[in-house]
Amino acid sequence: MGLIDNEILTWDEIKDQYPDEWVVIGDPTFDGMKILNGTVLAHHHDKRVASIEGGERREGFKKFTISFTGQIKSNYHIGLLRTIA
């Protein structure tokens, strides 16, 4: 984990430097849904920790995204929102 020095990296560089980690990327550039590049604000194996640290370092950036640099396991479940009555 840790603060990165505002260097803009390509998605391939990010995956190489932070394998199998969640990364918070400031001012990302996209091609459709694909991340092309951006500045890594935080990285961690735990998505929650990466999100918190990235949020603390957001000053000076206009937009953000979080993404996993590895393969998401096929048994990974995303919780559904509860219906509010």
N, C-alpha and C. Protein backbone atom coordinates (compact mmCIF):
# COMPACT_ATOMS: atom_id res chain seq x y z
N MET A 1 0.84 -1.18 0.00
CA MET A 1 0.00 0.00 0.00
C MET A 1 0.87 1.23 0.00
N GLY A 2 0.30 2.34 -0.34
CA GLY A 2 1.10 3.54 -0.26
C GLY A 2 0.77 4.56 -1.31
N LEU A 3 1.23 5.76 -1.07
CA LEU A 3 1.02 6.87 -1.99
C LEU A 3 1.99 6.77 -3.14
N ILE A 4 1.50 7.02 -4.31
CA ILE A 4 2.32 6.99 -5.51
C ILE A 4 2.60 8.45 -5.91
N ASP A 5 3.66 8.68 -6.64
CA ASP A 5 4.15 10.04 -6.90
C ASP A 5 3.49 10.76 -8.09
N ASN A 6 2.21 10.60 -8.29
CA ASN A 6 1.45 11.30 -9.34
C ASN A 6 1.91 11.00 -10.75
N GLU A 7 2.64 9.93 -10.95
CA GLU A 7 3.06 9.53 -12.28
C GLU A 7 1.89 8.88 -13.01
N ILE A 8 1.69 9.27 -14.26
CA ILE A 8 0.64 8.66 -15.07
C ILE A 8 1.20 7.37 -15.66
N LEU A 9 0.51 6.27 -15.38
CA LEU A 9 0.93 4.96 -15.86
C LEU A 9 -0.12 4.38 -16.78
N THR A 10 0.31 3.55 -17.72
CA THR A 10 -0.66 2.82 -18.55
C THR A 10 -1.25 1.70 -17.71
N TRP A 11 -2.37 1.14 -18.17
CA TRP A 11 -3.00 0.05 -17.44
C TRP A 11 -2.05 -1.15 -17.35
N ASP A 12 -1.31 -1.44 -18.41
CA ASP A 12 -0.36 -2.56 -18.37
C ASP A 12 0.74 -2.31 -17.34
N GLU A 13 1.22 -1.08 -17.23
CA GLU A 13 2.23 -0.75 -16.22
C GLU A 13 1.66 -0.91 -14.81
N ILE A 14 0.42 -0.49 -14.63
CA ILE A 14 -0.24 -0.62 -13.33
C ILE A 14 -0.36 -2.10 -12.95
N LYS A 15 -0.81 -2.92 -13.90
CA LYS A 15 -0.95 -4.36 -13.62
C LYS A 15 0.40 -5.00 -13.30
N ASP A 16 1.46 -4.57 -13.98
CA ASP A 16 2.79 -5.12 -13.72
C ASP A 16 3.32 -4.71 -12.35
N GLN A 17 3.09 -3.47 -11.95
CA GLN A 17 3.62 -2.96 -10.68
C GLN A 17 2.80 -3.40 -9.47
N TYR A 18 1.50 -3.65 -9.67
CA TYR A 18 0.61 -3.98 -8.56
C TYR A 18 -0.23 -5.22 -8.90
N PRO A 19 0.43 -6.36 -9.09
CA PRO A 19 -0.32 -7.57 -9.49
C PRO A 19 -1.28 -8.04 -8.40
N ASP A 20 -2.46 -8.44 -8.83
CA ASP A 20 -3.48 -8.99 -7.94
C ASP A 20 -3.81 -8.07 -6.77
N GLU A 21 -3.93 -6.78 -7.07
CA GLU A 21 -4.30 -5.80 -6.04
C GLU A 21 -5.41 -4.91 -6.57
N TRP A 22 -6.13 -4.30 -5.63
CA TRP A 22 -7.09 -3.27 -5.97
C TRP A 22 -6.32 -1.96 -6.07
N VAL A 23 -6.57 -1.20 -7.11
CA VAL A 23 -5.90 0.08 -7.31
C VAL A 23 -6.95 1.18 -7.47
N VAL A 24 -6.70 2.30 -6.81
CA VAL A 24 -7.53 3.49 -6.98
C VAL A 24 -6.77 4.39 -7.94
N ILE A 25 -7.41 4.75 -9.04
CA ILE A 25 -6.75 5.50 -10.09
C ILE A 25 -7.41 6.88 -10.22
N GLY A 26 -6.58 7.91 -10.13
CA GLY A 26 -7.06 9.28 -10.28
C GLY A 26 -6.97 9.74 -11.72
N ASP A 27 -7.97 10.48 -12.15
CA ASP A 27 -8.07 11.01 -13.51
C ASP A 27 -7.76 9.95 -14.57
N PRO A 28 -8.48 8.84 -14.53
CA PRO A 28 -8.25 7.78 -15.51
C PRO A 28 -8.72 8.19 -16.90
N THR A 29 -8.09 7.61 -17.91
CA THR A 29 -8.52 7.76 -19.29
C THR A 29 -9.09 6.42 -19.71
N PHE A 30 -10.24 6.44 -20.36
CA PHE A 30 -10.93 5.22 -20.76
C PHE A 30 -11.09 5.13 -22.27
N ASP A 31 -11.18 3.90 -22.73
CA ASP A 31 -11.64 3.60 -24.09
C ASP A 31 -12.85 2.72 -23.88
N GLY A 32 -14.02 3.32 -23.89
CA GLY A 32 -15.22 2.60 -23.50
C GLY A 32 -15.14 2.28 -22.02
N MET A 33 -15.16 0.99 -21.67
CA MET A 33 -15.05 0.56 -20.28
C MET A 33 -13.62 0.17 -19.91
N LYS A 34 -12.71 0.19 -20.85
CA LYS A 34 -11.33 -0.22 -20.63
C LYS A 34 -10.49 0.96 -20.13
N ILE A 35 -9.76 0.75 -19.02
CA ILE A 35 -8.87 1.78 -18.50
C ILE A 35 -7.61 1.81 -19.36
N LEU A 36 -7.26 2.99 -19.85
CA LEU A 36 -6.04 3.15 -20.64
C LEU A 36 -4.86 3.58 -19.77
N ASN A 37 -5.10 4.58 -18.89
CA ASN A 37 -4.03 5.06 -18.03
C ASN A 37 -4.60 5.90 -16.90
N GLY A 38 -3.73 6.31 -16.00
CA GLY A 38 -4.13 7.16 -14.88
C GLY A 38 -3.04 7.16 -13.82
N THR A 39 -3.31 7.87 -12.73
CA THR A 39 -2.39 7.97 -11.62
C THR A 39 -2.86 7.08 -10.48
N VAL A 40 -2.01 6.18 -10.02
CA VAL A 40 -2.37 5.30 -8.92
C VAL A 40 -2.29 6.10 -7.62
N LEU A 41 -3.43 6.21 -6.92
CA LEU A 41 -3.49 6.95 -5.67
C LEU A 41 -3.29 6.02 -4.48
N ALA A 42 -3.70 4.78 -4.63
CA ALA A 42 -3.54 3.79 -3.56
C ALA A 42 -3.69 2.41 -4.17
N HIS A 43 -3.11 1.44 -3.46
CA HIS A 43 -3.23 0.04 -3.88
C HIS A 43 -3.17 -0.84 -2.65
N HIS A 44 -3.90 -1.95 -2.70
CA HIS A 44 -3.92 -2.87 -1.57
C HIS A 44 -4.62 -4.15 -2.00
N HIS A 45 -4.32 -5.24 -1.31
CA HIS A 45 -5.01 -6.50 -1.58
C HIS A 45 -6.47 -6.45 -1.12
N ASP A 46 -6.76 -5.59 -0.17
CA ASP A 46 -8.11 -5.44 0.36
C ASP A 46 -8.75 -4.22 -0.29
N LYS A 47 -9.87 -4.44 -0.97
CA LYS A 47 -10.55 -3.35 -1.70
C LYS A 47 -10.94 -2.21 -0.77
N ARG A 48 -11.40 -2.54 0.42
CA ARG A 48 -11.85 -1.52 1.36
C ARG A 48 -10.69 -0.61 1.77
N VAL A 49 -9.54 -1.20 2.06
CA VAL A 49 -8.37 -0.41 2.46
C VAL A 49 -7.93 0.49 1.31
N ALA A 50 -7.88 -0.05 0.10
CA ALA A 50 -7.49 0.75 -1.07
C ALA A 50 -8.46 1.92 -1.26
N SER A 51 -9.75 1.66 -1.09
CA SER A 51 -10.76 2.71 -1.25
C SER A 51 -10.58 3.84 -0.25
N ILE A 52 -10.35 3.46 0.99
CA ILE A 52 -10.17 4.47 2.05
C ILE A 52 -8.92 5.31 1.79
N GLU A 53 -7.81 4.64 1.51
CA GLU A 53 -6.56 5.36 1.26
C GLU A 53 -6.66 6.24 0.00
N GLY A 54 -7.28 5.71 -1.04
CA GLY A 54 -7.45 6.49 -2.26
C GLY A 54 -8.30 7.72 -2.04
N GLY A 55 -9.34 7.57 -1.23
CA GLY A 55 -10.21 8.70 -0.91
C GLY A 55 -9.48 9.79 -0.15
N GLU A 56 -8.54 9.40 0.68
CA GLU A 56 -7.76 10.38 1.45
C GLU A 56 -6.78 11.14 0.56
N ARG A 57 -6.47 10.60 -0.61
CA ARG A 57 -5.47 11.21 -1.50
C ARG A 57 -6.09 11.81 -2.77
N ARG A 58 -7.37 12.09 -2.75
CA ARG A 58 -8.07 12.51 -3.96
C ARG A 58 -7.89 13.98 -4.32
N GLU A 59 -7.34 14.76 -3.43
CA GLU A 59 -7.21 16.20 -3.69
C GLU A 59 -6.41 16.45 -4.97
N GLY A 60 -6.95 17.31 -5.81
CA GLY A 60 -6.30 17.67 -7.06
C GLY A 60 -6.72 16.81 -8.24
N PHE A 61 -7.54 15.79 -7.99
CA PHE A 61 -8.02 14.93 -9.06
C PHE A 61 -9.52 15.14 -9.23
N LYS A 62 -9.99 15.08 -10.47
CA LYS A 62 -11.40 15.34 -10.75
C LYS A 62 -12.25 14.08 -10.78
N LYS A 63 -11.66 12.96 -11.19
CA LYS A 63 -12.43 11.72 -11.25
C LYS A 63 -11.55 10.54 -10.81
N PHE A 64 -12.23 9.46 -10.45
CA PHE A 64 -11.56 8.30 -9.88
C PHE A 64 -12.20 7.02 -10.37
N THR A 65 -11.46 5.96 -10.28
CA THR A 65 -12.02 4.62 -10.47
C THR A 65 -11.23 3.66 -9.60
N ILE A 66 -11.81 2.53 -9.32
CA ILE A 66 -11.10 1.47 -8.61
C ILE A 66 -11.23 0.21 -9.44
N SER A 67 -10.14 -0.53 -9.53
CA SER A 67 -10.15 -1.73 -10.35
C SER A 67 -9.19 -2.76 -9.76
N PHE A 68 -9.43 -4.02 -10.09
CA PHE A 68 -8.57 -5.11 -9.64
C PHE A 68 -7.63 -5.48 -10.78
N THR A 69 -6.34 -5.65 -10.48
CA THR A 69 -5.35 -5.89 -11.52
C THR A 69 -5.19 -7.36 -11.88
N GLY A 70 -5.85 -8.24 -11.16
CA GLY A 70 -5.74 -9.67 -11.46
C GLY A 70 -7.03 -10.21 -12.03
N GLN A 71 -7.17 -11.52 -11.99
CA GLN A 71 -8.38 -12.18 -12.43
C GLN A 71 -9.33 -12.33 -11.25
N ILE A 72 -10.56 -11.89 -11.42
CA ILE A 72 -11.55 -12.07 -10.37
C ILE A 72 -12.03 -13.51 -10.41
N LYS A 73 -12.03 -14.14 -9.25
CA LYS A 73 -12.40 -15.54 -9.16
C LYS A 73 -13.83 -15.76 -9.64
N SER A 74 -14.06 -16.90 -10.26
CA SER A 74 -15.39 -17.19 -10.81
C SER A 74 -16.44 -17.34 -9.72
N ASN A 75 -16.03 -17.62 -8.49
CA ASN A 75 -17.01 -17.76 -7.41
C ASN A 75 -17.18 -16.46 -6.62
N TYR A 76 -16.69 -15.34 -7.18
CA TYR A 76 -16.82 -14.04 -6.54
C TYR A 76 -18.28 -13.58 -6.67
N HIS A 77 -18.91 -13.27 -5.56
CA HIS A 77 -20.31 -12.86 -5.57
C HIS A 77 -20.42 -11.39 -5.23
N ILE A 78 -21.25 -10.70 -5.96
CA ILE A 78 -21.51 -9.30 -5.69
C ILE A 78 -22.88 -9.24 -5.00
N GLY A 79 -22.88 -8.62 -3.83
CA GLY A 79 -24.12 -8.54 -3.06
C GLY A 79 -25.17 -7.70 -3.77
N LEU A 80 -26.41 -8.07 -3.61
CA LEU A 80 -27.52 -7.33 -4.19
C LEU A 80 -28.08 -6.37 -3.17
N LEU A 81 -28.54 -5.24 -3.63
CA LEU A 81 -29.17 -4.28 -2.73
C LEU A 81 -30.51 -4.82 -2.27
N ARG A 82 -30.83 -4.54 -1.04
CA ARG A 82 -32.13 -4.95 -0.51
C ARG A 82 -33.20 -3.99 -1.00
N THR A 83 -34.37 -4.51 -1.23
CA THR A 83 -35.50 -3.67 -1.60
C THR A 83 -35.98 -2.94 -0.37
N ILE A 84 -36.14 -1.64 -0.49
CA ILE A 84 -36.63 -0.86 0.65
C ILE A 84 -38.12 -0.65 0.48
N ALA A 85 -38.87 -1.06 1.49
CA ALA A 85 -40.33 -0.97 1.43
C ALA A 85 -40.80 0.40 1.82
